[in-house]
C-alpha atoms as a PDB file:
ATOM      1  CA  UNK A   1      -3.931  -5.993 198.332  1.00  0.00           C
ATOM      2  CA  UNK A   2      -0.867  -9.169 198.049  1.00  0.00           C
ATOM      3  CA  UNK A   3      -2.053 -10.145 194.551  1.00  0.00           C
ATOM      4  CA  UNK A   4       1.055 -10.588 191.894  1.00  0.00           C
ATOM      5  CA  UNK A   5       0.394  -7.957 189.509  1.00  0.00           C
ATOM      6  CA  UNK A   6       4.241  -7.609 187.840  1.00  0.00           C
ATOM      7  CA  UNK A   7       2.254  -9.354 184.430  1.00  0.00           C
ATOM      8  CA  UNK A   8      -0.001  -7.824 184.324  1.00  0.00           C
ATOM      9  CA  UNK A   9      -0.614  -4.045 181.142  1.00  0.00           C
ATOM     10  CA  UNK A  10      -2.735  -1.649 182.800  1.00  0.00           C
ATOM     11  CA  UNK A  11      -2.596   0.579 179.964  1.00  0.00           C
ATOM     12  CA  UNK A  12       0.147   2.890 180.843  1.00  0.00           C
ATOM     13  CA  UNK A  13       1.846   4.717 177.996  1.00  0.00           C
ATOM     14  CA  UNK A  14       5.757   6.431 178.327  1.00  0.00           C
ATOM     15  CA  UNK A  15       6.676   9.728 177.071  1.00  0.00           C
ATOM     16  CA  UNK A  16       8.468   8.332 173.781  1.00  0.00           C
ATOM     17  CA  UNK A  17       5.886   9.356 171.073  1.00  0.00           C
ATOM     18  CA  UNK A  18       4.026  11.360 172.649  1.00  0.00           C
ATOM     19  CA  UNK A  19       5.062  16.032 173.155  1.00  0.00           C
ATOM     20  CA  UNK A  20       3.758  18.060 175.315  1.00  0.00           C
ATOM     21  CA  UNK A  21       3.621  21.202 174.717  1.00  0.00           C
ATOM     22  CA  UNK A  22       6.747  22.104 177.808  1.00  0.00           C
ATOM     23  CA  UNK A  23       9.236  19.065 177.076  1.00  0.00           C
ATOM     24  CA  UNK A  24       8.405  20.026 172.656  1.00  0.00           C
ATOM     25  CA  UNK A  25       9.983  23.404 174.304  1.00  0.00           C
ATOM     26  CA  UNK A  26      12.842  22.501 176.762  1.00  0.00           C
ATOM     27  CA  UNK A  27      14.119  20.224 173.298  1.00  0.00           C
ATOM     28  CA  UNK A  28      13.828  22.912 170.654  1.00  0.00           C
ATOM     29  CA  UNK A  29      15.929  25.445 173.045  1.00  0.00           C
ATOM     30  CA  UNK A  30      18.662  22.445 174.527  1.00  0.00           C
ATOM     31  CA  UNK A  31      19.059  20.516 170.628  1.00  0.00           C
ATOM     32  CA  UNK A  32      16.952  22.713 168.795  1.00  0.00           C
ATOM     33  CA  UNK A  33      17.158  25.461 166.738  1.00  0.00           C
ATOM     34  CA  UNK A  34      15.952  27.536 170.044  1.00  0.00           C
ATOM     35  CA  UNK A  35      20.128  26.122 171.373  1.00  0.00           C
ATOM     36  CA  UNK A  36      21.882  29.832 170.607  1.00  0.00           C
ATOM     37  CA  UNK A  37      19.389  31.267 172.701  1.00  0.00           C
ATOM     38  CA  UNK A  38      18.891  29.310 175.480  1.00  0.00           C
ATOM     39  CA  UNK A  39      20.901  31.393 178.072  1.00  0.00           C
ATOM     40  CA  UNK A  40      18.166  34.248 176.977  1.00  0.00           C
ATOM     41  CA  UNK A  41      15.679  31.869 177.883  1.00  0.00           C
ATOM     42  CA  UNK A  42      16.908  30.564 180.878  1.00  0.00           C
ATOM     43  CA  UNK A  43      18.709  32.693 182.687  1.00  0.00           C
ATOM     44  CA  UNK A  44      17.311  36.345 182.120  1.00  0.00           C
ATOM     45  CA  UNK A  45      14.997  38.452 183.726  1.00  0.00           C
ATOM     46  CA  UNK A  46      12.570  36.359 180.916  1.00  0.00           C
ATOM     47  CA  UNK A  47      13.528  33.166 182.910  1.00  0.00           C
ATOM     48  CA  UNK A  48       9.326  33.937 184.766  1.00  0.00           C
ATOM     49  CA  UNK A  49       7.424  33.963 182.411  1.00  0.00           C
ATOM     50  CA  UNK A  50       8.485  30.159 181.916  1.00  0.00           C
ATOM     51  CA  UNK A  51       6.704  29.673 184.986  1.00  0.00           C
ATOM     52  CA  UNK A  52       3.460  32.094 184.126  1.00  0.00           C
ATOM     53  CA  UNK A  53       3.508  30.149 180.710  1.00  0.00           C
ATOM     54  CA  UNK A  54       3.576  26.396 181.866  1.00  0.00           C
ATOM     55  CA  UNK A  55       0.942  27.289 184.857  1.00  0.00           C
ATOM     56  CA  UNK A  56      -1.450  29.377 181.945  1.00  0.00           C
ATOM     57  CA  UNK A  57      -0.781  25.962 179.329  1.00  0.00           C
ATOM     58  CA  UNK A  58      -1.856  23.736 183.195  1.00  0.00           C
ATOM     59  CA  UNK A  59      -3.814  25.388 185.310  1.00  0.00           C
ATOM     60  CA  UNK A  60      -6.439  27.233 182.009  1.00  0.00           C
ATOM     61  CA  UNK A  61      -6.054  24.051 179.497  1.00  0.00           C
ATOM     62  CA  UNK A  62      -4.286  20.243 180.228  1.00  0.00           C
ATOM     63  CA  UNK A  63      -6.407  20.024 183.166  1.00  0.00           C
ATOM     64  CA  UNK A  64      -9.302  20.971 182.665  1.00  0.00           C
ATOM     65  CA  UNK A  65      -9.557  19.604 178.676  1.00  0.00           C
ATOM     66  CA  UNK A  66      -7.956  16.840 179.144  1.00  0.00           C
ATOM     67  CA  UNK A  67      -6.677  15.797 182.886  1.00  0.00           C
ATOM     68  CA  UNK A  68     -10.249  16.534 184.774  1.00  0.00           C
ATOM     69  CA  UNK A  69     -12.061  13.771 181.447  1.00  0.00           C
ATOM     70  CA  UNK A  70      -9.348  11.671 182.602  1.00  0.00           C
ATOM     71  CA  UNK A  71     -10.270  11.660 186.462  1.00  0.00           C
ATOM     72  CA  UNK A  72     -13.732  11.630 186.042  1.00  0.00           C
ATOM     73  CA  UNK A  73     -12.839   8.462 183.695  1.00  0.00           C
ATOM     74  CA  UNK A  74     -10.191   6.188 186.087  1.00  0.00           C
ATOM     75  CA  UNK A  75     -12.674   7.163 189.088  1.00  0.00           C
ATOM     76  CA  UNK A  76     -15.544   5.604 187.696  1.00  0.00           C
ATOM     77  CA  UNK A  77     -13.426   2.324 187.237  1.00  0.00           C
ATOM     78  CA  UNK A  78     -13.202  -0.005 190.476  1.00  0.00           C
ATOM     79  CA  UNK A  79      -9.611   1.307 191.258  1.00  0.00           C
ATOM     80  CA  UNK A  80     -11.375   3.926 191.444  1.00  0.00           C
ATOM     81  CA  UNK A  81     -14.190   3.679 193.748  1.00  0.00           C
ATOM     82  CA  UNK A  82     -11.103   1.785 195.876  1.00  0.00           C
ATOM     83  CA  UNK A  83      -8.737   5.157 195.743  1.00  0.00           C
ATOM     84  CA  UNK A  84     -12.434   7.433 197.177  1.00  0.00           C
ATOM     85  CA  UNK A  85     -12.922   5.020 199.865  1.00  0.00           C
ATOM     86  CA  UNK A  86      -9.627   4.847 200.982  1.00  0.00           C
ATOM     87  CA  UNK A  87     -10.407   8.913 203.142  1.00  0.00           C
ATOM     88  CA  UNK A  88     -13.284   6.607 205.233  1.00  0.00           C
ATOM     89  CA  UNK A  89     -11.191   4.387 205.224  1.00  0.00           C
ATOM     90  CA  UNK A  90     -13.736   1.506 203.953  1.00  0.00           C
ATOM     91  CA  UNK A  91     -11.288   0.293 201.950  1.00  0.00           C
ATOM     92  CA  UNK A  92      -9.229  -1.339 204.637  1.00  0.00           C
ATOM     93  CA  UNK A  93     -12.955  -3.189 205.963  1.00  0.00           C
ATOM     94  CA  UNK A  94     -13.111  -4.743 202.807  1.00  0.00           C
ATOM     95  CA  UNK A  95     -10.289  -6.130 202.453  1.00  0.00           C
END
């Protein structure tokens, strides 16, 4: 706590080189071949289907397959232990 971390590389990746299914679809609609269908896809009664598709993808596939392993990996680190300790107040006693 209180350490200067400006020069610490946490290894985060930006989304410049990584498209999610949603961002890929968004690019197709706004700037790609689906541009002529933008009004139909985003301003019509079928719009709620995008919410259902997003929930199915993220809750049914991405989180169980990709997200949970990442969370487990992070929680196994020192930072994960510190995070878990916040709920119990243990982190404040260690500081």
